[in-house]
Amino acid sequence: PIPGNQSRLTFLDEVIDFQVPYSNGIVLDMTMTEQVGLEHFKISLYNSFRHILQDLYVLWELVLLSKPILVISPRPQQCSETCLALLSLISPVIYAGDVRPYFTIHDSDYTTFSAEDNERNGIILGVTNPFFFKEFAHWKHMVVIGPPSTKRYSIGKGYKRKSYKKVSKYQNMVKSDYEPLHSHDKQFFRRLTSSKASPEINETIIQRHFYQQTENFIAPLDSFFHSLVPVDTDYQLFGRTPRVQPFCEEKFLRTLFQDGLKIKRIELYRKFIR
């Protein structure tokens, strides 16, 4: 497809008309960095989120659901790395939204994103100018990474997030009114807060944990989609070619309920589909 041109795509017995937009955004699969010329570029999830570890589940769901996220940090490198670390949280799923790790007030889309009536999803912006604290205060989901000397409260016992209604300075925090629907693994947090755990070990713990969480989340969808595709026995030499069954949201959610999934988890799938 050529950017700017109308195209037509058939998918699951439906015809979708779409237009490939012109965009300054990038889509990165951090497991295939050679495709984007980043052979020596590695994102550390632990270094990016070490002061906001108790918000990892919230961030995972926000990225998974393509919610608009504003990342603010006084350092361009930290800002950009945090944006890319957000994408890595949902690996092996490739984020299909618009990612701009270094966005400025001079960008042509600044007016669009700063409008209070802008409800666009699928966007992650990284900024360093403190001017954005005021102009983008209406954004519902904001990740703030402060200077190296700025510290964040420890996780402690159990899982507890602090609620922020207003952000006006660089401090390690996540401002979001989103309530996570996925159950939290307390053992995962205990392992992260172990005094004997090195940064390298914590990095491995985070990567493996959320990689497994994402794979477990996608597995029911993958299984359901396979059930829609005709099997080899459906094909006959002179018979009618079997068709792929259309996807039905309610039917899929009903299978999840029958499999014993909790209501909150099913609601997460409903939001993901929509």
C-alpha atoms as a PDB file:
ATOM      1  CA  PRO A   1       0.000   0.000   0.000  1.00  0.00           C
ATOM      2  CA  ILE A   2       1.102   3.524  -0.805  1.00  0.00           C
ATOM      3  CA  PRO A   3       0.692   6.184   1.930  1.00  0.00           C
ATOM      4  CA  GLY A   4      -2.200   8.490   1.096  1.00  0.00           C
ATOM      5  CA  ASN A   5      -3.934   6.061  -1.290  1.00  0.00           C
ATOM      6  CA  GLN A   6      -7.187   4.206  -0.647  1.00  0.00           C
ATOM      7  CA  SER A   7      -6.856   0.418  -0.449  1.00  0.00           C
ATOM      8  CA  ARG A   8      -9.178  -2.539   0.019  1.00  0.00           C
ATOM      9  CA  LEU A   9      -8.510  -5.569   2.189  1.00  0.00           C
ATOM     10  CA  THR A  10     -10.544  -8.748   2.644  1.00  0.00           C
ATOM     11  CA  PHE A  11     -10.440 -10.182   6.147  1.00  0.00           C
ATOM     12  CA  LEU A  12     -12.576 -12.940   7.659  1.00  0.00           C
ATOM     13  CA  ASP A  13     -15.338 -12.701   5.072  1.00  0.00           C
ATOM     14  CA  GLU A  14     -15.427  -8.898   5.278  1.00  0.00           C
ATOM     15  CA  VAL A  15     -14.177  -6.152   2.977  1.00  0.00           C
ATOM     16  CA  ILE A  16     -12.331  -3.289   4.686  1.00  0.00           C
ATOM     17  CA  ASP A  17     -11.631   0.007   2.920  1.00  0.00           C
ATOM     18  CA  PHE A  18      -8.727   1.871   4.461  1.00  0.00           C
ATOM     19  CA  GLN A  19      -6.174   4.577   3.816  1.00  0.00           C
ATOM     20  CA  VAL A  20      -2.537   4.334   4.838  1.00  0.00           C
ATOM     21  CA  PRO A  21      -1.787   7.660   6.590  1.00  0.00           C
ATOM     22  CA  TYR A  22       1.289   9.776   6.320  1.00  0.00           C
ATOM     23  CA  SER A  23       2.984   9.547   9.697  1.00  0.00           C
ATOM     24  CA  ASN A  24       6.174  10.473  11.473  1.00  0.00           C
ATOM     25  CA  GLY A  25       5.572   7.617  13.899  1.00  0.00           C
ATOM     26  CA  ILE A  26       7.586   4.435  14.040  1.00  0.00           C
ATOM     27  CA  VAL A  27       6.700   0.860  14.809  1.00  0.00           C
ATOM     28  CA  LEU A  28       9.503  -1.118  16.405  1.00  0.00           C
ATOM     29  CA  ASP A  29       9.792  -4.794  17.200  1.00  0.00           C
ATOM     30  CA  MET A  30      12.677  -4.831  19.644  1.00  0.00           C
ATOM     31  CA  THR A  31      13.271  -8.526  18.943  1.00  0.00           C
ATOM     32  CA  MET A  32      14.127  -7.676  15.315  1.00  0.00           C
ATOM     33  CA  THR A  33      16.261  -4.563  15.695  1.00  0.00           C
ATOM     34  CA  GLU A  34      18.303  -5.299  12.601  1.00  0.00           C
ATOM     35  CA  GLN A  35      15.329  -4.274  10.455  1.00  0.00           C
ATOM     36  CA  VAL A  36      15.487  -0.697  11.699  1.00  0.00           C
ATOM     37  CA  GLY A  37      19.256  -0.321  11.889  1.00  0.00           C
ATOM     38  CA  LEU A  38      19.446  -0.634  15.666  1.00  0.00           C
ATOM     39  CA  GLU A  39      21.758  -3.629  15.904  1.00  0.00           C
ATOM     40  CA  HIS A  40      23.554  -2.242  18.947  1.00  0.00           C
ATOM     41  CA  PHE A  41      20.523  -0.607  20.542  1.00  0.00           C
ATOM     42  CA  LYS A  42      19.030  -2.351  23.589  1.00  0.00           C
ATOM     43  CA  ILE A  43      16.218  -1.136  25.816  1.00  0.00           C
ATOM     44  CA  SER A  44      16.334  -2.003  29.509  1.00  0.00           C
ATOM     45  CA  LEU A  45      12.881  -2.337  31.014  1.00  0.00           C
ATOM     46  CA  TYR A  46      14.234  -2.293  34.544  1.00  0.00           C
ATOM     47  CA  ASN A  47      16.287   0.876  34.047  1.00  0.00           C
ATOM     48  CA  SER A  48      13.344   2.594  32.384  1.00  0.00           C
ATOM     49  CA  PHE A  49      10.750   1.660  35.030  1.00  0.00           C
ATOM     50  CA  ARG A  50      12.795   0.987  38.181  1.00  0.00           C
ATOM     51  CA  HIS A  51      11.127   3.873  40.074  1.00  0.00           C
ATOM     52  CA  ILE A  52       7.583   3.059  38.955  1.00  0.00           C
ATOM     53  CA  LEU A  53       7.601  -0.731  39.211  1.00  0.00           C
ATOM     54  CA  GLN A  54       4.198  -0.873  40.940  1.00  0.00           C
ATOM     55  CA  ASP A  55       2.651   0.675  37.830  1.00  0.00           C
ATOM     56  CA  LEU A  56       3.922  -1.948  35.376  1.00  0.00           C
ATOM     57  CA  TYR A  57       0.597  -3.776  35.130  1.00  0.00           C
ATOM     58  CA  VAL A  58      -1.205  -0.501  34.459  1.00  0.00           C
ATOM     59  CA  LEU A  59       1.292   0.406  31.730  1.00  0.00           C
ATOM     60  CA  TRP A  60       1.054  -3.078  30.214  1.00  0.00           C
ATOM     61  CA  GLU A  61      -2.716  -2.802  29.886  1.00  0.00           C
ATOM     62  CA  LEU A  62      -2.608   0.787  28.623  1.00  0.00           C
ATOM     63  CA  VAL A  63      -0.213  -0.154  25.804  1.00  0.00           C
ATOM     64  CA  LEU A  64      -2.109  -3.375  25.074  1.00  0.00           C
ATOM     65  CA  LEU A  65      -5.357  -1.395  24.713  1.00  0.00           C
ATOM     66  CA  SER A  66      -3.653   1.356  22.652  1.00  0.00           C
ATOM     67  CA  LYS A  67      -4.528   4.108  25.097  1.00  0.00           C
ATOM     68  CA  PRO A  68      -2.916   7.522  24.464  1.00  0.00           C
ATOM     69  CA  ILE A  69       0.175   7.899  26.663  1.00  0.00           C
ATOM     70  CA  LEU A  70       2.324  10.967  27.241  1.00  0.00           C
ATOM     71  CA  VAL A  71       5.888  10.344  28.455  1.00  0.00           C
ATOM     72  CA  ILE A  72       7.681  13.311  30.037  1.00  0.00           C
ATOM     73  CA  SER A  73      11.323  13.402  31.083  1.00  0.00           C
ATOM     74  CA  PRO A  74      13.914  16.216  31.244  1.00  0.00           C
ATOM     75  CA  ARG A  75      16.425  14.040  29.350  1.00  0.00           C
ATOM     76  CA  PRO A  76      15.771  13.210  25.662  1.00  0.00           C
ATOM     77  CA  GLN A  77      17.510   9.827  25.881  1.00  0.00           C
ATOM     78  CA  GLN A  78      15.518   8.729  28.926  1.00  0.00           C
ATOM     79  CA  CYS A  79      12.318   9.987  27.331  1.00  0.00           C
ATOM     80  CA  SER A  80      12.873   8.084  24.087  1.00  0.00           C
ATOM     81  CA  GLU A  81      13.997   4.906  25.847  1.00  0.00           C
ATOM     82  CA  THR A  82      10.903   4.930  28.043  1.00  0.00           C
ATOM     83  CA  CYS A  83       8.674   5.174  24.966  1.00  0.00           C
ATOM     84  CA  LEU A  84      10.418   2.174  23.401  1.00  0.00           C
ATOM     85  CA  ALA A  85      10.325   0.287  26.701  1.00  0.00           C
ATOM     86  CA  LEU A  86       6.542   0.658  26.702  1.00  0.00           C
ATOM     87  CA  LEU A  87       6.452  -1.137  23.347  1.00  0.00           C
ATOM     88  CA  SER A  88       8.641  -3.925  24.714  1.00  0.00           C
ATOM     89  CA  LEU A  89       6.200  -4.540  27.566  1.00  0.00           C
ATOM     90  CA  ILE A  90       3.709  -6.185  25.187  1.00  0.00           C
ATOM     91  CA  SER A  91       6.251  -8.278  23.272  1.00  0.00           C
ATOM     92  CA  PRO A  92       5.765 -10.502  21.246  1.00  0.00           C
ATOM     93  CA  VAL A  93       2.787  -8.392  20.125  1.00  0.00           C
ATOM     94  CA  ILE A  94       3.909  -5.578  17.826  1.00  0.00           C
ATOM     95  CA  TYR A  95       2.414  -2.204  18.732  1.00  0.00           C
ATOM     96  CA  ALA A  96       0.477  -0.909  15.729  1.00  0.00           C
ATOM     97  CA  GLY A  97      -0.095   2.647  16.927  1.00  0.00           C
ATOM     98  CA  ASP A  98       1.741   5.925  16.399  1.00  0.00           C
ATOM     99  CA  VAL A  99       4.932   6.238  18.453  1.00  0.00           C
ATOM    100  CA  ARG A 100       6.900   9.503  18.597  1.00  0.00           C
ATOM    101  CA  PRO A 101       9.740   9.157  21.123  1.00  0.00           C
ATOM    102  CA  TYR A 102      10.764  12.808  20.770  1.00  0.00           C
ATOM    103  CA  PHE A 103       7.840  15.131  20.145  1.00  0.00           C
ATOM    104  CA  THR A 104       8.174  18.945  20.274  1.00  0.00           C
ATOM    105  CA  ILE A 105       5.922  21.991  20.081  1.00  0.00           C
ATOM    106  CA  HIS A 106       7.230  22.561  16.551  1.00  0.00           C
ATOM    107  CA  ASP A 107       5.727  19.311  15.273  1.00  0.00           C
ATOM    108  CA  SER A 108       2.986  19.793  12.666  1.00  0.00           C
ATOM    109  CA  ASP A 109       0.558  17.694  14.763  1.00  0.00           C
ATOM    110  CA  TYR A 110       1.051  19.696  17.951  1.00  0.00           C
ATOM    111  CA  THR A 111      -2.265  21.537  17.608  1.00  0.00           C
ATOM    112  CA  THR A 112      -4.134  18.285  17.055  1.00  0.00           C
ATOM    113  CA  PHE A 113      -2.691  16.512  20.090  1.00  0.00           C
ATOM    114  CA  SER A 114      -3.008  19.529  22.383  1.00  0.00           C
ATOM    115  CA  ALA A 115      -6.739  19.947  21.712  1.00  0.00           C
ATOM    116  CA  GLU A 116      -8.789  18.990  24.761  1.00  0.00           C
ATOM    117  CA  ASP A 117     -11.449  17.324  22.603  1.00  0.00           C
ATOM    118  CA  ASN A 118      -8.868  15.026  21.010  1.00  0.00           C
ATOM    119  CA  GLU A 119      -9.820  11.450  21.954  1.00  0.00           C
ATOM    120  CA  ARG A 120      -7.369   9.718  19.655  1.00  0.00           C
ATOM    121  CA  ASN A 121      -6.143   6.290  20.746  1.00  0.00           C
ATOM    122  CA  GLY A 122      -3.043   4.425  19.633  1.00  0.00           C
ATOM    123  CA  ILE A 123      -0.526   7.192  20.308  1.00  0.00           C
ATOM    124  CA  ILE A 124       2.582   7.393  22.508  1.00  0.00           C
ATOM    125  CA  LEU A 125       4.335  10.758  22.701  1.00  0.00           C
ATOM    126  CA  GLY A 126       7.678  11.445  24.329  1.00  0.00           C
ATOM    127  CA  VAL A 127       8.417  15.048  25.361  1.00  0.00           C
ATOM    128  CA  THR A 128      11.020  16.913  27.409  1.00  0.00           C
ATOM    129  CA  ASN A 129       9.638  20.452  27.524  1.00  0.00           C
ATOM    130  CA  PRO A 130       7.973  21.244  30.907  1.00  0.00           C
ATOM    131  CA  PHE A 131       5.512  23.350  28.909  1.00  0.00           C
ATOM    132  CA  PHE A 132       3.648  20.085  28.210  1.00  0.00           C
ATOM    133  CA  PHE A 133       2.705  19.714  31.876  1.00  0.00           C
ATOM    134  CA  LYS A 134       0.210  22.527  31.412  1.00  0.00           C
ATOM    135  CA  GLU A 135      -0.766  22.234  27.766  1.00  0.00           C
ATOM    136  CA  PHE A 136      -1.300  18.442  27.881  1.00  0.00           C
ATOM    137  CA  ALA A 137      -2.748  18.309  31.388  1.00  0.00           C
ATOM    138  CA  HIS A 138      -5.979  16.890  29.938  1.00  0.00           C
ATOM    139  CA  TRP A 139      -4.232  13.695  28.786  1.00  0.00           C
ATOM    140  CA  LYS A 140      -5.551  10.895  30.976  1.00  0.00           C
ATOM    141  CA  HIS A 141      -2.407   8.760  30.963  1.00  0.00           C
ATOM    142  CA  MET A 142       0.962  10.300  31.714  1.00  0.00           C
ATOM    143  CA  VAL A 143       4.324   8.729  32.565  1.00  0.00           C
ATOM    144  CA  VAL A 144       6.809  11.084  34.221  1.00  0.00           C
ATOM    145  CA  ILE A 145      10.443  10.075  34.640  1.00  0.00           C
ATOM    146  CA  GLY A 146      12.382  12.505  36.808  1.00  0.00           C
ATOM    147  CA  PRO A 147      16.118  13.283  36.952  1.00  0.00           C
ATOM    148  CA  PRO A 148      18.494  10.543  38.217  1.00  0.00           C
ATOM    149  CA  SER A 149      18.381  11.990  41.736  1.00  0.00           C
ATOM    150  CA  THR A 150      14.580  11.748  41.895  1.00  0.00           C
ATOM    151  CA  LYS A 151      13.365   8.706  43.788  1.00  0.00           C
ATOM    152  CA  ARG A 152      10.003   6.992  44.037  1.00  0.00           C
ATOM    153  CA  TYR A 153       8.313   5.264  46.971  1.00  0.00           C
ATOM    154  CA  SER A 154       9.185   1.590  47.252  1.00  0.00           C
ATOM    155  CA  ILE A 155       6.737  -1.174  46.472  1.00  0.00           C
ATOM    156  CA  GLY A 156       6.752  -2.484  50.014  1.00  0.00           C
ATOM    157  CA  LYS A 157       4.357  -5.251  50.969  1.00  0.00           C
ATOM    158  CA  GLY A 158       1.518  -5.893  48.584  1.00  0.00           C
ATOM    159  CA  TYR A 159       0.508  -3.886  45.547  1.00  0.00           C
ATOM    160  CA  LYS A 160      -0.565  -0.290  45.988  1.00  0.00           C
ATOM    161  CA  ARG A 161      -0.590   2.617  43.587  1.00  0.00           C
ATOM    162  CA  LYS A 162      -0.731   6.292  44.411  1.00  0.00           C
ATOM    163  CA  SER A 163      -3.353   8.424  42.707  1.00  0.00           C
ATOM    164  CA  TYR A 164      -2.319  11.692  41.053  1.00  0.00           C
ATOM    165  CA  LYS A 165      -4.859  14.179  39.748  1.00  0.00           C
ATOM    166  CA  LYS A 166      -2.387  16.874  38.739  1.00  0.00           C
ATOM    167  CA  VAL A 167       1.205  16.830  37.507  1.00  0.00           C
ATOM    168  CA  SER A 168       3.323  19.974  37.481  1.00  0.00           C
ATOM    169  CA  LYS A 169       6.933  18.873  37.897  1.00  0.00           C
ATOM    170  CA  TYR A 170       9.389  16.114  37.057  1.00  0.00           C
ATOM    171  CA  GLN A 171       8.873  13.283  39.505  1.00  0.00           C
ATOM    172  CA  ASN A 172       8.797   9.544  38.990  1.00  0.00           C
ATOM    173  CA  MET A 173       5.125   8.734  38.674  1.00  0.00           C
ATOM    174  CA  VAL A 174       2.289   7.478  36.509  1.00  0.00           C
ATOM    175  CA  LYS A 175      -0.821   9.614  36.331  1.00  0.00           C
ATOM    176  CA  SER A 176      -3.774   7.539  35.170  1.00  0.00           C
ATOM    177  CA  ASP A 177      -7.338   6.919  36.282  1.00  0.00           C
ATOM    178  CA  TYR A 178      -7.277   3.495  34.642  1.00  0.00           C
ATOM    179  CA  GLU A 179      -7.979   0.569  36.960  1.00  0.00           C
ATOM    180  CA  PRO A 180      -6.156  -2.581  35.763  1.00  0.00           C
ATOM    181  CA  LEU A 181      -8.348  -5.598  35.058  1.00  0.00           C
ATOM    182  CA  HIS A 182      -5.568  -8.183  35.099  1.00  0.00           C
ATOM    183  CA  SER A 183      -4.765  -9.852  38.412  1.00  0.00           C
ATOM    184  CA  HIS A 184      -1.351  -8.996  39.824  1.00  0.00           C
ATOM    185  CA  ASP A 185       1.320 -11.520  40.618  1.00  0.00           C
ATOM    186  CA  LYS A 186       2.495 -10.690  44.140  1.00  0.00           C
ATOM    187  CA  GLN A 187       5.414 -13.081  43.851  1.00  0.00           C
ATOM    188  CA  PHE A 188       6.600 -11.138  40.809  1.00  0.00           C
ATOM    189  CA  PHE A 189       6.798  -7.932  42.846  1.00  0.00           C
ATOM    190  CA  ARG A 190       8.501  -9.690  45.766  1.00  0.00           C
ATOM    191  CA  ARG A 191      11.193 -11.002  43.439  1.00  0.00           C
ATOM    192  CA  LEU A 192      11.780  -7.491  42.070  1.00  0.00           C
ATOM    193  CA  THR A 193      12.211  -6.003  45.525  1.00  0.00           C
ATOM    194  CA  SER A 194      14.646  -8.659  46.717  1.00  0.00           C
ATOM    195  CA  SER A 195      17.705  -6.941  48.180  1.00  0.00           C
ATOM    196  CA  LYS A 196      19.954  -9.561  46.570  1.00  0.00           C
ATOM    197  CA  ALA A 197      18.575  -9.114  43.053  1.00  0.00           C
ATOM    198  CA  SER A 198      20.940  -7.339  40.661  1.00  0.00           C
ATOM    199  CA  PRO A 199      19.689  -5.020  37.884  1.00  0.00           C
ATOM    200  CA  GLU A 200      20.481  -7.749  35.352  1.00  0.00           C
ATOM    201  CA  ILE A 201      18.370 -10.286  37.238  1.00  0.00           C
ATOM    202  CA  ASN A 202      15.493  -7.830  37.617  1.00  0.00           C
ATOM    203  CA  GLU A 203      15.677  -7.091  33.900  1.00  0.00           C
ATOM    204  CA  THR A 204      15.307 -10.782  33.103  1.00  0.00           C
ATOM    205  CA  ILE A 205      12.425 -11.137  35.585  1.00  0.00           C
ATOM    206  CA  ILE A 206      10.467  -8.270  34.009  1.00  0.00           C
ATOM    207  CA  GLN A 207      11.090  -9.359  30.438  1.00  0.00           C
ATOM    208  CA  ARG A 208      10.110 -12.972  31.008  1.00  0.00           C
ATOM    209  CA  HIS A 209       7.101 -12.112  33.151  1.00  0.00           C
ATOM    210  CA  PHE A 210       5.416  -9.719  30.730  1.00  0.00           C
ATOM    211  CA  TYR A 211       6.397 -11.759  27.689  1.00  0.00           C
ATOM    212  CA  GLN A 212       4.583 -14.699  29.287  1.00  0.00           C
ATOM    213  CA  GLN A 213       1.650 -12.499  30.317  1.00  0.00           C
ATOM    214  CA  THR A 214       1.219 -11.288  26.743  1.00  0.00           C
ATOM    215  CA  GLU A 215       1.513 -14.778  25.283  1.00  0.00           C
ATOM    216  CA  ASN A 216      -1.089 -16.078  27.745  1.00  0.00           C
ATOM    217  CA  PHE A 217      -3.383 -13.195  26.827  1.00  0.00           C
ATOM    218  CA  ILE A 218      -3.095 -13.816  23.076  1.00  0.00           C
ATOM    219  CA  ALA A 219      -3.443 -17.619  23.314  1.00  0.00           C
ATOM    220  CA  PRO A 220      -7.300 -17.710  23.548  1.00  0.00           C
ATOM    221  CA  LEU A 221      -7.588 -15.334  20.584  1.00  0.00           C
ATOM    222  CA  ASP A 222      -5.169 -17.416  18.545  1.00  0.00           C
ATOM    223  CA  SER A 223      -7.087 -20.592  19.350  1.00  0.00           C
ATOM    224  CA  PHE A 224     -10.438 -19.003  18.487  1.00  0.00           C
ATOM    225  CA  PHE A 225      -9.183 -17.647  15.150  1.00  0.00           C
ATOM    226  CA  HIS A 226      -7.889 -21.096  14.241  1.00  0.00           C
ATOM    227  CA  SER A 227     -11.379 -22.486  14.843  1.00  0.00           C
ATOM    228  CA  LEU A 228     -12.754 -20.101  12.197  1.00  0.00           C
ATOM    229  CA  VAL A 229     -10.472 -21.418   9.460  1.00  0.00           C
ATOM    230  CA  PRO A 230     -11.668 -24.508   7.536  1.00  0.00           C
ATOM    231  CA  VAL A 231      -9.720 -27.693   8.176  1.00  0.00           C
ATOM    232  CA  ASP A 232      -8.385 -29.976   5.430  1.00  0.00           C
ATOM    233  CA  THR A 233     -11.366 -32.329   5.695  1.00  0.00           C
ATOM    234  CA  ASP A 234     -13.733 -29.490   4.723  1.00  0.00           C
ATOM    235  CA  TYR A 235     -12.295 -29.318   1.223  1.00  0.00           C
ATOM    236  CA  GLN A 236     -13.795 -31.525  -1.525  1.00  0.00           C
ATOM    237  CA  LEU A 237     -12.539 -31.956  -5.073  1.00  0.00           C
ATOM    238  CA  PHE A 238     -15.749 -30.840  -6.805  1.00  0.00           C
ATOM    239  CA  GLY A 239     -17.493 -29.265  -3.867  1.00  0.00           C
ATOM    240  CA  ARG A 240     -17.917 -25.661  -2.841  1.00  0.00           C
ATOM    241  CA  THR A 241     -14.846 -24.052  -1.358  1.00  0.00           C
ATOM    242  CA  PRO A 242     -15.424 -23.619   2.402  1.00  0.00           C
ATOM    243  CA  ARG A 243     -15.319 -20.070   3.696  1.00  0.00           C
ATOM    244  CA  VAL A 244     -13.659 -18.608   6.730  1.00  0.00           C
ATOM    245  CA  GLN A 245     -16.244 -18.008   9.422  1.00  0.00           C
ATOM    246  CA  PRO A 246     -16.713 -14.375  10.510  1.00  0.00           C
ATOM    247  CA  PHE A 247     -15.404 -13.339  13.889  1.00  0.00           C
ATOM    248  CA  CYS A 248     -18.122 -12.884  16.507  1.00  0.00           C
ATOM    249  CA  GLU A 249     -17.149 -10.945  19.603  1.00  0.00           C
ATOM    250  CA  GLU A 250     -19.928 -12.290  21.802  1.00  0.00           C
ATOM    251  CA  LYS A 251     -19.226 -15.869  20.778  1.00  0.00           C
ATOM    252  CA  PHE A 252     -15.556 -15.462  21.620  1.00  0.00           C
ATOM    253  CA  LEU A 253     -16.309 -13.878  25.012  1.00  0.00           C
ATOM    254  CA  ARG A 254     -18.787 -16.654  25.727  1.00  0.00           C
ATOM    255  CA  THR A 255     -16.055 -19.255  25.184  1.00  0.00           C
ATOM    256  CA  LEU A 256     -13.883 -17.396  27.701  1.00  0.00           C
ATOM    257  CA  PHE A 257     -16.694 -17.480  30.254  1.00  0.00           C
ATOM    258  CA  GLN A 258     -17.199 -21.192  29.661  1.00  0.00           C
ATOM    259  CA  ASP A 259     -13.479 -21.754  30.193  1.00  0.00           C
ATOM    260  CA  GLY A 260     -13.816 -20.224  33.657  1.00  0.00           C
ATOM    261  CA  LEU A 261     -12.119 -16.852  33.159  1.00  0.00           C
ATOM    262  CA  LYS A 262     -12.922 -14.128  35.642  1.00  0.00           C
ATOM    263  CA  ILE A 263     -15.283 -11.329  34.643  1.00  0.00           C
ATOM    264  CA  LYS A 264     -12.545  -8.682  34.865  1.00  0.00           C
ATOM    265  CA  ARG A 265     -10.282 -10.681  32.577  1.00  0.00           C
ATOM    266  CA  ILE A 266     -13.118 -11.108  30.061  1.00  0.00           C
ATOM    267  CA  GLU A 267     -13.720  -7.353  30.180  1.00  0.00           C
ATOM    268  CA  LEU A 268     -10.058  -6.802  29.286  1.00  0.00           C
ATOM    269  CA  TYR A 269     -10.576  -8.911  26.143  1.00  0.00           C
ATOM    270  CA  ARG A 270     -13.707  -6.928  25.296  1.00  0.00           C
ATOM    271  CA  LYS A 271     -11.775  -3.651  25.486  1.00  0.00           C
ATOM    272  CA  PHE A 272      -8.892  -5.135  23.507  1.00  0.00           C
ATOM    273  CA  ILE A 273     -11.206  -6.201  20.670  1.00  0.00           C
ATOM    274  CA  ARG A 274     -12.959  -2.861  20.474  1.00  0.00           C
END
